[in-house]
Protein backbone atom coordinates (compact mmCIF):
# COMPACT_ATOMS: atom_id res chain seq x y z
CA UNK A 1 8.69 -10.10 12.10
CA UNK A 2 6.87 -9.91 8.77
CA UNK A 3 6.53 -13.16 6.86
CA UNK A 4 6.99 -12.56 3.13
CA UNK A 5 4.56 -15.09 1.72
CA UNK A 6 3.63 -14.38 -1.87
CA UNK A 7 0.41 -12.42 -2.19
CA UNK A 8 0.59 -11.35 -5.86
CA UNK A 9 -0.34 -13.42 -8.91
CA UNK A 10 2.35 -14.09 -11.54
CA UNK A 11 0.72 -11.84 -14.17
CA UNK A 12 0.58 -8.94 -11.70
CA UNK A 13 4.20 -9.59 -10.76
CA UNK A 14 5.21 -9.27 -14.39
CA UNK A 15 3.22 -6.09 -14.89
CA UNK A 16 4.62 -4.54 -11.70
CA UNK A 17 8.15 -5.41 -12.76
CA UNK A 18 7.74 -3.88 -16.21
CA UNK A 19 6.10 -0.73 -14.85
CA UNK A 20 8.83 -0.50 -12.22
CA UNK A 21 11.56 -0.69 -14.86
CA UNK A 22 9.82 1.97 -16.95
CA UNK A 23 9.47 4.31 -13.97
CA UNK A 24 13.10 3.78 -12.96
CA UNK A 25 14.12 4.68 -16.50
CA UNK A 26 11.97 7.82 -16.50
CA UNK A 27 12.93 8.87 -12.98
CA UNK A 28 16.67 8.17 -12.91
CA UNK A 29 18.02 7.60 -16.42
CA UNK A 30 16.10 9.82 -18.87
CA UNK A 31 15.41 12.77 -16.58
CA UNK A 32 14.63 15.05 -19.54
CA UNK A 33 11.11 13.59 -19.64
CA UNK A 34 10.36 14.94 -16.14
CA UNK A 35 11.81 18.44 -15.68
CA UNK A 36 11.25 18.71 -11.91
CA UNK A 37 14.10 16.99 -10.03
CA UNK A 38 12.03 16.11 -6.94
CA UNK A 39 9.18 14.64 -8.97
CA UNK A 40 11.67 12.74 -11.10
CA UNK A 41 13.23 11.26 -7.97
CA UNK A 42 9.81 10.29 -6.58
CA UNK A 43 8.87 8.60 -9.86
CA UNK A 44 12.14 6.66 -9.79
CA UNK A 45 11.61 5.57 -6.18
CA UNK A 46 8.05 4.47 -6.96
CA UNK A 47 9.57 2.41 -9.77
CA UNK A 48 12.03 0.81 -7.33
CA UNK A 49 9.12 -0.07 -5.02
CA UNK A 50 7.14 -1.61 -7.89
CA UNK A 51 10.12 -3.57 -9.20
CA UNK A 52 10.93 -4.88 -5.73
CA UNK A 53 7.32 -5.86 -5.14
CA UNK A 54 7.17 -7.60 -8.50
CA UNK A 55 10.39 -9.52 -7.96
CA UNK A 56 9.50 -10.63 -4.44
CA UNK A 57 5.86 -11.40 -5.22
CA UNK A 58 4.87 -9.65 -2.01
CA UNK A 59 2.99 -6.35 -1.73
CA UNK A 60 3.18 -4.53 1.62
CA UNK A 61 -0.17 -2.82 1.05
CA UNK A 62 -1.84 -6.18 0.46
CA UNK A 63 -0.22 -7.39 3.67
CA UNK A 64 -1.47 -4.39 5.67
CA UNK A 65 -5.03 -4.76 4.38
CA UNK A 66 -4.88 -8.56 4.73
CA UNK A 67 -5.90 -9.08 1.13
CA UNK A 68 -4.29 -11.27 -1.48
CA UNK A 69 -4.30 -11.49 -5.24
CA UNK A 70 -2.44 -14.78 -5.15
CA UNK A 71 -4.00 -18.17 -5.68
CA UNK A 72 -1.85 -19.76 -3.00
CA UNK A 73 1.35 -20.38 -4.91
């Protein structure tokens, strides 16, 4: 079982959340900005991943590479 200890600093969490919201908007809400439906869906899903990572404070890639950007919060 994966332990979800925070491995992202608060500033990075905020940036990831904002970028995630922007990508969700571009991928799912305002699809006129991205004409290709598949690419639009992928952009939206990448936004969901970023938003989730930002809200949880845990990055799966950091976990896999055993790195951390957190200062132990």
